[in-house]
Amino acid sequence: MAKNENKTKTDEHLKKEVVDTQEKLRVIRFGGAGSRSRNVKESRNLRREIARAKTELRARAISAAAQGEIAQAVKKA
């Protein structure tokens, strides 16, 4: 997944992606308990995907809150 790919996705799609990726990570962690993982970097990449999606969701929330504050300030003036 490209780093900028999350900016074009909807909030619902990003939330679903976070849940799905967390489930994949859980399966990797507990499904392979006692056995060797074939792809060692896979869990790291999944954690990074989760972080990127959550970061984009948080940036959107902050942006929306800032827009709300600006709108309220304009109404008061």
Foldseek 3Di string as FASTA:
>chain_A
DDLCPLVPDDLVVLVVLLVVLVVVLVCQVPVQVPHDDPDPCPNVVSVVSNVSSVVSNVVVVVVVVVVVVVVVVVVVD
